[in-house]
Amino acid sequence: MHNRFIRRAALFAGALLFAGAACAGNFTATYTAGSTTYNIQGTEPASGRHPVFIYTVGTVEAWNNAQATAAVAEMAAKGFVAATVQYNSGVFGTCSQILAKARAIYQGSTASSAVAKLCSRATADCSKGIVVAGFSQGSVIAINAKNFDSRVRAAFGMGAHSQYSIYDTDSCMKNGTHALPSSNLRIVNGDVDIFPGGNPVAVRLSSQAVTGKSCGLTAYSCLSSNGSGWIMVRGSQVNDGSADHCYQRRSGGCLGSQNNLDTGWRSGSDAWGLKANLNWLAGFATP
């Protein structure tokens, strides 16, 4: 009996050690764009080699806000080296200005880029794929990431449009203007997002322009068989009753707290929420 107890204790201890080795760990790093150093914050598995996930926030947002870190946590739990990346988000700008930021993050052949820093980590294997996501300006960066690194396999964008108020982003956001094929792109927009026009008709037209997919004049979802395409969020689906540009936030729209997340977006199972969209995104990488 005593020996059997010892053997069981040893097996239990071994199981705990294995579980500990598999646990994810947080990390920080930096990359440079010109003469400026920017931060990277992420979570990675403790061992093995894994695909990479990169997230970029919207204009004037904190680069490691709750929306970004929620996406990182979800993807790390799926076995990715996952990180949110700081960039000069203080201004929006033209396509050429935003693509310069995307290049600094995603130029894989440049050792100082964010993607090069992440792919060089001991737990990363970018041959297994890089998948990306972003919000608003960060979605423009994410959707154009494959322009600069062919290992990028798919992108998920929120607040992703061909027009942002006074800024015409057709030349980098309209379907066919970027290297990422429409079959590897999924976007989710609030139906009263002010930037393309503030009403469902305008948001629908913008979503169609970005993805190249149309499902009729009244559609709120237009997904292909592989899940690519677009979804519009209704006001009735979000906590504050308004599916605006910042529908992911619990109250106050884009003027509310960046860290007060809508519960349906953060933990719900609906197609417009974080979990469903990251599940789709993760499917493009090799385990």
C-alpha atoms as a PDB file:
ATOM      1  CA  MET A   1       0.000   0.000   0.000  1.00  0.00           C
ATOM      2  CA  HIS A   2       2.793   2.375   0.933  1.00  0.00           C
ATOM      3  CA  ASN A   3       4.686   1.705  -2.332  1.00  0.00           C
ATOM      4  CA  ARG A   4       1.492   2.120  -4.354  1.00  0.00           C
ATOM      5  CA  PHE A   5       0.913   5.494  -2.683  1.00  0.00           C
ATOM      6  CA  ILE A   6       4.473   6.577  -3.519  1.00  0.00           C
ATOM      7  CA  ARG A   7       4.049   5.555  -7.165  1.00  0.00           C
ATOM      8  CA  ARG A   8       0.764   7.476  -7.409  1.00  0.00           C
ATOM      9  CA  ALA A   9       2.338  10.538  -5.804  1.00  0.00           C
ATOM     10  CA  ALA A  10       5.214  10.366  -8.277  1.00  0.00           C
ATOM     11  CA  LEU A  11       2.824  10.110 -11.229  1.00  0.00           C
ATOM     12  CA  PHE A  12       0.818  13.057  -9.900  1.00  0.00           C
ATOM     13  CA  ALA A  13       3.978  15.140  -9.471  1.00  0.00           C
ATOM     14  CA  GLY A  14       5.034  14.271 -13.017  1.00  0.00           C
ATOM     15  CA  ALA A  15       1.653  15.332 -14.334  1.00  0.00           C
ATOM     16  CA  LEU A  16       1.949  18.658 -12.540  1.00  0.00           C
ATOM     17  CA  LEU A  17       5.413  19.198 -13.990  1.00  0.00           C
ATOM     18  CA  PHE A  18       4.125  18.481 -17.520  1.00  0.00           C
ATOM     19  CA  ALA A  19       1.213  20.850 -16.996  1.00  0.00           C
ATOM     20  CA  GLY A  20       3.585  23.524 -15.760  1.00  0.00           C
ATOM     21  CA  ALA A  21       5.803  23.100 -18.837  1.00  0.00           C
ATOM     22  CA  ALA A  22       2.761  23.641 -21.061  1.00  0.00           C
ATOM     23  CA  CYS A  23       1.612  26.792 -19.270  1.00  0.00           C
ATOM     24  CA  ALA A  24       1.887  30.062 -21.172  1.00  0.00           C
ATOM     25  CA  GLY A  25       4.215  32.844 -20.067  1.00  0.00           C
ATOM     26  CA  ASN A  26       4.158  36.585 -20.641  1.00  0.00           C
ATOM     27  CA  PHE A  27       6.936  38.427 -22.442  1.00  0.00           C
ATOM     28  CA  THR A  28       7.908  41.902 -23.599  1.00  0.00           C
ATOM     29  CA  ALA A  29      10.113  42.992 -26.487  1.00  0.00           C
ATOM     30  CA  THR A  30      10.756  46.001 -28.709  1.00  0.00           C
ATOM     31  CA  TYR A  31      11.118  46.783 -32.405  1.00  0.00           C
ATOM     32  CA  THR A  32      12.182  49.903 -34.258  1.00  0.00           C
ATOM     33  CA  ALA A  33      10.608  52.010 -36.978  1.00  0.00           C
ATOM     34  CA  GLY A  34      13.083  54.585 -38.221  1.00  0.00           C
ATOM     35  CA  SER A  35      14.634  56.073 -35.113  1.00  0.00           C
ATOM     36  CA  THR A  36      11.702  55.198 -32.832  1.00  0.00           C
ATOM     37  CA  THR A  37      11.505  52.179 -30.563  1.00  0.00           C
ATOM     38  CA  TYR A  38       8.097  50.609 -29.984  1.00  0.00           C
ATOM     39  CA  ASN A  39       6.872  48.011 -27.512  1.00  0.00           C
ATOM     40  CA  ILE A  40       5.630  44.467 -27.956  1.00  0.00           C
ATOM     41  CA  GLN A  41       3.690  42.653 -25.235  1.00  0.00           C
ATOM     42  CA  GLY A  42       2.673  39.045 -25.530  1.00  0.00           C
ATOM     43  CA  THR A  43       2.022  35.586 -24.195  1.00  0.00           C
ATOM     44  CA  GLU A  44       3.615  32.388 -25.457  1.00  0.00           C
ATOM     45  CA  PRO A  45       3.626  28.663 -24.688  1.00  0.00           C
ATOM     46  CA  ALA A  46       6.463  27.550 -22.434  1.00  0.00           C
ATOM     47  CA  SER A  47       7.831  25.028 -24.919  1.00  0.00           C
ATOM     48  CA  GLY A  48       7.491  23.756 -28.468  1.00  0.00           C
ATOM     49  CA  ARG A  49       7.288  25.766 -31.705  1.00  0.00           C
ATOM     50  CA  HIS A  50       4.095  27.608 -32.573  1.00  0.00           C
ATOM     51  CA  PRO A  51       2.441  29.896 -35.132  1.00  0.00           C
ATOM     52  CA  VAL A  52       2.283  33.636 -34.430  1.00  0.00           C
ATOM     53  CA  PHE A  53      -0.620  36.044 -33.853  1.00  0.00           C
ATOM     54  CA  ILE A  54      -0.243  39.844 -33.973  1.00  0.00           C
ATOM     55  CA  TYR A  55      -2.813  42.469 -32.950  1.00  0.00           C
ATOM     56  CA  THR A  56      -2.842  46.224 -33.677  1.00  0.00           C
ATOM     57  CA  VAL A  57      -5.116  48.730 -31.896  1.00  0.00           C
ATOM     58  CA  GLY A  58      -6.987  51.707 -33.320  1.00  0.00           C
ATOM     59  CA  THR A  59      -6.141  55.405 -33.549  1.00  0.00           C
ATOM     60  CA  VAL A  60      -5.085  57.079 -30.256  1.00  0.00           C
ATOM     61  CA  GLU A  61      -5.752  53.871 -28.329  1.00  0.00           C
ATOM     62  CA  ALA A  62      -3.468  52.419 -25.683  1.00  0.00           C
ATOM     63  CA  TRP A  63      -1.540  49.710 -27.521  1.00  0.00           C
ATOM     64  CA  ASN A  64      -2.071  47.218 -24.689  1.00  0.00           C
ATOM     65  CA  ASN A  65      -5.667  48.044 -23.768  1.00  0.00           C
ATOM     66  CA  ALA A  66      -8.163  45.402 -22.650  1.00  0.00           C
ATOM     67  CA  GLN A  67      -9.402  44.766 -26.179  1.00  0.00           C
ATOM     68  CA  ALA A  68      -5.878  43.978 -27.374  1.00  0.00           C
ATOM     69  CA  THR A  69      -4.883  41.876 -24.379  1.00  0.00           C
ATOM     70  CA  ALA A  70      -8.152  39.912 -24.579  1.00  0.00           C
ATOM     71  CA  ALA A  71      -7.318  38.935 -28.166  1.00  0.00           C
ATOM     72  CA  VAL A  72      -3.769  38.017 -27.149  1.00  0.00           C
ATOM     73  CA  ALA A  73      -4.988  35.862 -24.253  1.00  0.00           C
ATOM     74  CA  GLU A  74      -7.453  33.998 -26.468  1.00  0.00           C
ATOM     75  CA  MET A  75      -4.868  33.231 -29.138  1.00  0.00           C
ATOM     76  CA  ALA A  76      -2.179  32.233 -26.647  1.00  0.00           C
ATOM     77  CA  ALA A  77      -4.664  29.748 -25.191  1.00  0.00           C
ATOM     78  CA  LYS A  78      -5.025  28.287 -28.688  1.00  0.00           C
ATOM     79  CA  GLY A  79      -1.277  27.650 -28.875  1.00  0.00           C
ATOM     80  CA  PHE A  80      -0.003  30.803 -30.572  1.00  0.00           C
ATOM     81  CA  VAL A  81       2.892  33.081 -29.762  1.00  0.00           C
ATOM     82  CA  ALA A  82       0.500  36.016 -29.430  1.00  0.00           C
ATOM     83  CA  ALA A  83       1.302  39.711 -29.070  1.00  0.00           C
ATOM     84  CA  THR A  84      -0.076  43.217 -29.288  1.00  0.00           C
ATOM     85  CA  VAL A  85       2.250  45.649 -31.033  1.00  0.00           C
ATOM     86  CA  GLN A  86       2.635  49.368 -30.389  1.00  0.00           C
ATOM     87  CA  TYR A  87       2.905  51.775 -33.328  1.00  0.00           C
ATOM     88  CA  ASN A  88       2.414  55.481 -34.023  1.00  0.00           C
ATOM     89  CA  SER A  89      -1.361  55.422 -33.604  1.00  0.00           C
ATOM     90  CA  GLY A  90      -1.712  59.094 -32.698  1.00  0.00           C
ATOM     91  CA  VAL A  91      -2.948  60.044 -36.184  1.00  0.00           C
ATOM     92  CA  PHE A  92      -4.876  58.169 -38.858  1.00  0.00           C
ATOM     93  CA  GLY A  93      -3.731  59.356 -42.274  1.00  0.00           C
ATOM     94  CA  THR A  94      -3.734  58.253 -45.886  1.00  0.00           C
ATOM     95  CA  CYS A  95      -3.176  54.728 -47.145  1.00  0.00           C
ATOM     96  CA  SER A  96       0.478  55.492 -47.855  1.00  0.00           C
ATOM     97  CA  GLN A  97       0.987  56.794 -44.306  1.00  0.00           C
ATOM     98  CA  ILE A  98      -0.716  53.786 -42.701  1.00  0.00           C
ATOM     99  CA  LEU A  99       1.079  51.312 -44.956  1.00  0.00           C
ATOM    100  CA  ALA A 100       4.403  52.774 -43.806  1.00  0.00           C
ATOM    101  CA  LYS A 101       3.396  51.722 -40.284  1.00  0.00           C
ATOM    102  CA  ALA A 102       2.343  48.298 -41.558  1.00  0.00           C
ATOM    103  CA  ARG A 103       5.725  47.897 -43.258  1.00  0.00           C
ATOM    104  CA  ALA A 104       7.601  48.658 -40.038  1.00  0.00           C
ATOM    105  CA  ILE A 105       5.579  45.992 -38.240  1.00  0.00           C
ATOM    106  CA  TYR A 106       5.382  43.324 -40.945  1.00  0.00           C
ATOM    107  CA  GLN A 107       8.475  43.617 -43.149  1.00  0.00           C
ATOM    108  CA  GLY A 108       9.734  40.116 -42.405  1.00  0.00           C
ATOM    109  CA  SER A 109      13.006  40.603 -44.242  1.00  0.00           C
ATOM    110  CA  THR A 110      13.965  43.488 -41.921  1.00  0.00           C
ATOM    111  CA  ALA A 111      15.484  42.277 -38.654  1.00  0.00           C
ATOM    112  CA  SER A 112      14.229  45.302 -36.723  1.00  0.00           C
ATOM    113  CA  SER A 113      10.542  44.758 -37.623  1.00  0.00           C
ATOM    114  CA  ALA A 114       8.008  43.534 -35.092  1.00  0.00           C
ATOM    115  CA  VAL A 115       7.274  40.356 -37.044  1.00  0.00           C
ATOM    116  CA  ALA A 116      10.991  39.523 -37.283  1.00  0.00           C
ATOM    117  CA  LYS A 117      11.360  39.969 -33.527  1.00  0.00           C
ATOM    118  CA  LEU A 118       8.395  37.696 -32.838  1.00  0.00           C
ATOM    119  CA  CYS A 119       9.392  35.047 -35.387  1.00  0.00           C
ATOM    120  CA  SER A 120      12.865  34.871 -33.830  1.00  0.00           C
ATOM    121  CA  ARG A 121      11.496  33.803 -30.454  1.00  0.00           C
ATOM    122  CA  ALA A 122      12.429  30.278 -29.369  1.00  0.00           C
ATOM    123  CA  THR A 123       8.782  29.202 -29.183  1.00  0.00           C
ATOM    124  CA  ALA A 124       7.803  30.699 -32.571  1.00  0.00           C
ATOM    125  CA  ASP A 125       7.755  28.960 -35.933  1.00  0.00           C
ATOM    126  CA  CYS A 126       6.393  31.374 -38.506  1.00  0.00           C
ATOM    127  CA  SER A 127       6.473  28.687 -41.191  1.00  0.00           C
ATOM    128  CA  LYS A 128       3.376  27.416 -39.365  1.00  0.00           C
ATOM    129  CA  GLY A 129       1.698  30.678 -40.236  1.00  0.00           C
ATOM    130  CA  ILE A 130       1.140  34.218 -39.047  1.00  0.00           C
ATOM    131  CA  VAL A 131      -2.435  35.372 -38.465  1.00  0.00           C
ATOM    132  CA  VAL A 132      -3.354  38.938 -37.640  1.00  0.00           C
ATOM    133  CA  ALA A 133      -6.143  41.090 -36.287  1.00  0.00           C
ATOM    134  CA  GLY A 134      -6.795  44.736 -35.602  1.00  0.00           C
ATOM    135  CA  PHE A 135      -9.330  47.426 -34.882  1.00  0.00           C
ATOM    136  CA  SER A 136      -9.979  50.571 -36.964  1.00  0.00           C
ATOM    137  CA  GLN A 137      -6.577  51.888 -38.116  1.00  0.00           C
ATOM    138  CA  GLY A 138      -5.173  48.646 -36.736  1.00  0.00           C
ATOM    139  CA  SER A 139      -7.479  46.728 -39.078  1.00  0.00           C
ATOM    140  CA  VAL A 140      -6.030  48.613 -42.061  1.00  0.00           C
ATOM    141  CA  ILE A 141      -2.577  47.546 -40.895  1.00  0.00           C
ATOM    142  CA  ALA A 142      -3.672  43.932 -40.366  1.00  0.00           C
ATOM    143  CA  ILE A 143      -5.453  43.583 -43.705  1.00  0.00           C
ATOM    144  CA  ASN A 144      -2.348  44.883 -45.487  1.00  0.00           C
ATOM    145  CA  ALA A 145       0.129  42.794 -43.472  1.00  0.00           C
ATOM    146  CA  LYS A 146       0.524  40.181 -46.210  1.00  0.00           C
ATOM    147  CA  ASN A 147       1.823  42.926 -48.527  1.00  0.00           C
ATOM    148  CA  PHE A 148       5.043  42.793 -46.513  1.00  0.00           C
ATOM    149  CA  ASP A 149       5.296  39.169 -45.324  1.00  0.00           C
ATOM    150  CA  SER A 150       3.978  36.277 -47.402  1.00  0.00           C
ATOM    151  CA  ARG A 151       3.744  34.093 -44.295  1.00  0.00           C
ATOM    152  CA  VAL A 152       0.649  36.020 -43.178  1.00  0.00           C
ATOM    153  CA  ARG A 153      -2.247  33.662 -43.861  1.00  0.00           C
ATOM    154  CA  ALA A 154      -5.412  35.409 -42.680  1.00  0.00           C
ATOM    155  CA  ALA A 155      -6.730  38.600 -41.095  1.00  0.00           C
ATOM    156  CA  PHE A 156      -9.662  39.552 -38.863  1.00  0.00           C
ATOM    157  CA  GLY A 157     -10.650  43.226 -38.797  1.00  0.00           C
ATOM    158  CA  MET A 158     -13.062  45.247 -36.676  1.00  0.00           C
ATOM    159  CA  GLY A 159     -14.145  48.697 -37.757  1.00  0.00           C
ATOM    160  CA  ALA A 160     -12.623  47.917 -41.165  1.00  0.00           C
ATOM    161  CA  HIS A 161     -13.731  50.254 -43.954  1.00  0.00           C
ATOM    162  CA  SER A 162     -12.940  51.617 -47.375  1.00  0.00           C
ATOM    163  CA  GLN A 163     -13.746  55.129 -46.142  1.00  0.00           C
ATOM    164  CA  TYR A 164     -12.989  56.719 -42.759  1.00  0.00           C
ATOM    165  CA  SER A 165     -14.798  60.050 -42.718  1.00  0.00           C
ATOM    166  CA  ILE A 166     -12.498  62.419 -44.653  1.00  0.00           C
ATOM    167  CA  TYR A 167      -9.958  59.672 -45.389  1.00  0.00           C
ATOM    168  CA  ASP A 168     -10.488  57.627 -48.544  1.00  0.00           C
ATOM    169  CA  THR A 169      -8.819  54.250 -47.987  1.00  0.00           C
ATOM    170  CA  ASP A 170     -10.068  52.581 -51.163  1.00  0.00           C
ATOM    171  CA  SER A 171      -6.522  52.281 -52.516  1.00  0.00           C
ATOM    172  CA  CYS A 172      -5.454  49.943 -49.702  1.00  0.00           C
ATOM    173  CA  MET A 173      -8.708  48.544 -48.282  1.00  0.00           C
ATOM    174  CA  LYS A 174     -10.924  47.801 -51.261  1.00  0.00           C
ATOM    175  CA  ASN A 175     -10.961  44.125 -52.241  1.00  0.00           C
ATOM    176  CA  GLY A 176      -8.127  43.392 -54.676  1.00  0.00           C
ATOM    177  CA  THR A 177      -5.882  46.264 -53.584  1.00  0.00           C
ATOM    178  CA  HIS A 178      -3.931  44.225 -51.020  1.00  0.00           C
ATOM    179  CA  ALA A 179      -2.069  40.908 -51.172  1.00  0.00           C
ATOM    180  CA  LEU A 180      -4.457  39.143 -48.795  1.00  0.00           C
ATOM    181  CA  PRO A 181      -7.163  37.294 -50.765  1.00  0.00           C
ATOM    182  CA  SER A 182     -10.806  37.818 -49.800  1.00  0.00           C
ATOM    183  CA  SER A 183     -11.065  34.113 -48.935  1.00  0.00           C
ATOM    184  CA  ASN A 184      -8.716  34.762 -45.993  1.00  0.00           C
ATOM    185  CA  LEU A 185     -10.379  37.901 -44.650  1.00  0.00           C
ATOM    186  CA  ARG A 186     -13.194  38.384 -42.160  1.00  0.00           C
ATOM    187  CA  ILE A 187     -14.455  41.714 -40.828  1.00  0.00           C
ATOM    188  CA  VAL A 188     -17.074  42.728 -38.265  1.00  0.00           C
ATOM    189  CA  ASN A 189     -18.559  46.230 -38.168  1.00  0.00           C
ATOM    190  CA  GLY A 190     -21.227  47.948 -36.083  1.00  0.00           C
ATOM    191  CA  ASP A 191     -24.320  48.857 -38.117  1.00  0.00           C
ATOM    192  CA  VAL A 192     -24.227  52.548 -37.125  1.00  0.00           C
ATOM    193  CA  ASP A 193     -20.468  53.014 -37.412  1.00  0.00           C
ATOM    194  CA  ILE A 194     -20.075  56.730 -38.110  1.00  0.00           C
ATOM    195  CA  PHE A 195     -16.944  56.535 -40.248  1.00  0.00           C
ATOM    196  CA  PRO A 196     -18.429  55.058 -43.459  1.00  0.00           C
ATOM    197  CA  GLY A 197     -21.729  56.922 -42.996  1.00  0.00           C
ATOM    198  CA  GLY A 198     -23.410  56.040 -39.700  1.00  0.00           C
ATOM    199  CA  ASN A 199     -26.219  53.803 -40.931  1.00  0.00           C
ATOM    200  CA  PRO A 200     -26.665  50.140 -41.939  1.00  0.00           C
ATOM    201  CA  VAL A 201     -26.792  50.888 -45.671  1.00  0.00           C
ATOM    202  CA  ALA A 202     -23.470  52.745 -45.643  1.00  0.00           C
ATOM    203  CA  VAL A 203     -21.791  50.187 -43.364  1.00  0.00           C
ATOM    204  CA  ARG A 204     -23.035  47.335 -45.560  1.00  0.00           C
ATOM    205  CA  LEU A 205     -21.646  48.982 -48.700  1.00  0.00           C
ATOM    206  CA  SER A 206     -18.301  49.547 -46.991  1.00  0.00           C
ATOM    207  CA  SER A 207     -18.163  45.933 -45.779  1.00  0.00           C
ATOM    208  CA  GLN A 208     -18.916  44.746 -49.314  1.00  0.00           C
ATOM    209  CA  ALA A 209     -16.177  46.948 -50.742  1.00  0.00           C
ATOM    210  CA  VAL A 210     -13.528  45.654 -48.336  1.00  0.00           C
ATOM    211  CA  THR A 211     -14.362  41.960 -48.713  1.00  0.00           C
ATOM    212  CA  GLY A 212     -15.740  41.830 -52.254  1.00  0.00           C
ATOM    213  CA  LYS A 213     -18.777  39.913 -50.952  1.00  0.00           C
ATOM    214  CA  SER A 214     -22.414  40.945 -51.380  1.00  0.00           C
ATOM    215  CA  CYS A 215     -25.470  39.131 -49.993  1.00  0.00           C
ATOM    216  CA  GLY A 216     -28.257  41.558 -50.837  1.00  0.00           C
ATOM    217  CA  LEU A 217     -29.653  44.892 -49.715  1.00  0.00           C
ATOM    218  CA  THR A 218     -30.754  43.819 -46.232  1.00  0.00           C
ATOM    219  CA  ALA A 219     -28.072  41.314 -45.205  1.00  0.00           C
ATOM    220  CA  TYR A 220     -26.427  41.542 -41.797  1.00  0.00           C
ATOM    221  CA  SER A 221     -24.075  38.654 -42.497  1.00  0.00           C
ATOM    222  CA  CYS A 222     -22.279  37.641 -45.661  1.00  0.00           C
ATOM    223  CA  LEU A 223     -19.953  34.714 -45.031  1.00  0.00           C
ATOM    224  CA  SER A 224     -18.534  32.220 -47.512  1.00  0.00           C
ATOM    225  CA  SER A 225     -18.427  28.489 -46.810  1.00  0.00           C
ATOM    226  CA  ASN A 226     -14.993  28.870 -45.176  1.00  0.00           C
ATOM    227  CA  GLY A 227     -16.203  31.699 -42.908  1.00  0.00           C
ATOM    228  CA  SER A 228     -14.570  34.586 -44.763  1.00  0.00           C
ATOM    229  CA  GLY A 229     -16.610  37.705 -45.453  1.00  0.00           C
ATOM    230  CA  TRP A 230     -18.368  40.193 -43.206  1.00  0.00           C
ATOM    231  CA  ILE A 231     -20.782  40.538 -40.303  1.00  0.00           C
ATOM    232  CA  MET A 232     -22.716  43.627 -39.150  1.00  0.00           C
ATOM    233  CA  VAL A 233     -23.566  43.931 -35.470  1.00  0.00           C
ATOM    234  CA  ARG A 234     -27.021  45.193 -34.448  1.00  0.00           C
ATOM    235  CA  GLY A 235     -27.619  47.595 -31.575  1.00  0.00           C
ATOM    236  CA  SER A 236     -29.823  45.018 -29.890  1.00  0.00           C
ATOM    237  CA  GLN A 237     -26.804  42.695 -29.593  1.00  0.00           C
ATOM    238  CA  VAL A 238     -24.555  44.998 -27.567  1.00  0.00           C
ATOM    239  CA  ASN A 239     -24.675  46.149 -23.951  1.00  0.00           C
ATOM    240  CA  ASP A 240     -25.151  49.862 -24.614  1.00  0.00           C
ATOM    241  CA  GLY A 241     -27.719  49.422 -27.394  1.00  0.00           C
ATOM    242  CA  SER A 242     -25.627  51.100 -30.088  1.00  0.00           C
ATOM    243  CA  ALA A 243     -23.433  49.086 -32.476  1.00  0.00           C
ATOM    244  CA  ASP A 244     -21.152  51.991 -33.290  1.00  0.00           C
ATOM    245  CA  HIS A 245     -17.490  52.007 -34.347  1.00  0.00           C
ATOM    246  CA  CYS A 246     -16.488  50.795 -30.867  1.00  0.00           C
ATOM    247  CA  TYR A 247     -19.227  48.186 -30.418  1.00  0.00           C
ATOM    248  CA  GLN A 248     -16.727  46.048 -28.438  1.00  0.00           C
ATOM    249  CA  ARG A 249     -17.050  48.418 -25.456  1.00  0.00           C
ATOM    250  CA  ARG A 250     -19.706  48.107 -22.794  1.00  0.00           C
ATOM    251  CA  SER A 251     -20.761  51.758 -22.707  1.00  0.00           C
ATOM    252  CA  GLY A 252     -19.902  55.147 -24.103  1.00  0.00           C
ATOM    253  CA  GLY A 253     -18.787  54.024 -27.548  1.00  0.00           C
ATOM    254  CA  CYS A 254     -15.329  55.213 -28.575  1.00  0.00           C
ATOM    255  CA  LEU A 255     -15.433  57.896 -25.878  1.00  0.00           C
ATOM    256  CA  GLY A 256     -15.980  55.313 -23.157  1.00  0.00           C
ATOM    257  CA  SER A 257     -13.328  53.321 -21.361  1.00  0.00           C
ATOM    258  CA  GLN A 258     -11.147  51.194 -23.618  1.00  0.00           C
ATOM    259  CA  ASN A 259     -11.027  48.633 -20.811  1.00  0.00           C
ATOM    260  CA  ASN A 260     -14.785  48.258 -20.224  1.00  0.00           C
ATOM    261  CA  LEU A 261     -15.531  45.482 -22.708  1.00  0.00           C
ATOM    262  CA  ASP A 262     -18.948  44.422 -23.967  1.00  0.00           C
ATOM    263  CA  THR A 263     -19.738  41.051 -22.396  1.00  0.00           C
ATOM    264  CA  GLY A 264     -21.165  39.579 -25.579  1.00  0.00           C
ATOM    265  CA  TRP A 265     -18.077  40.547 -27.538  1.00  0.00           C
ATOM    266  CA  ARG A 266     -15.603  39.341 -24.921  1.00  0.00           C
ATOM    267  CA  SER A 267     -17.154  36.102 -23.746  1.00  0.00           C
ATOM    268  CA  GLY A 268     -20.241  35.417 -25.851  1.00  0.00           C
ATOM    269  CA  SER A 269     -20.575  32.687 -28.451  1.00  0.00           C
ATOM    270  CA  ASP A 270     -22.306  34.700 -31.198  1.00  0.00           C
ATOM    271  CA  ALA A 271     -20.628  35.019 -34.604  1.00  0.00           C
ATOM    272  CA  TRP A 272     -19.768  38.700 -34.078  1.00  0.00           C
ATOM    273  CA  GLY A 273     -17.897  38.091 -30.811  1.00  0.00           C
ATOM    274  CA  LEU A 274     -14.184  37.744 -30.170  1.00  0.00           C
ATOM    275  CA  LYS A 275     -14.120  33.988 -29.560  1.00  0.00           C
ATOM    276  CA  ALA A 276     -15.930  33.005 -32.741  1.00  0.00           C
ATOM    277  CA  ASN A 277     -13.781  35.222 -34.918  1.00  0.00           C
ATOM    278  CA  LEU A 278     -10.498  34.129 -33.385  1.00  0.00           C
ATOM    279  CA  ASN A 279     -11.569  30.493 -33.751  1.00  0.00           C
ATOM    280  CA  TRP A 280     -12.003  31.192 -37.452  1.00  0.00           C
ATOM    281  CA  LEU A 281      -8.663  32.983 -37.661  1.00  0.00           C
ATOM    282  CA  ALA A 282      -6.757  30.252 -35.838  1.00  0.00           C
ATOM    283  CA  GLY A 283      -7.905  27.702 -38.400  1.00  0.00           C
ATOM    284  CA  PHE A 284      -5.525  29.136 -40.989  1.00  0.00           C
ATOM    285  CA  ALA A 285      -2.386  28.263 -39.005  1.00  0.00           C
ATOM    286  CA  THR A 286      -0.653  24.899 -38.674  1.00  0.00           C
ATOM    287  CA  PRO A 287      -0.722  23.537 -35.100  1.00  0.00           C
END
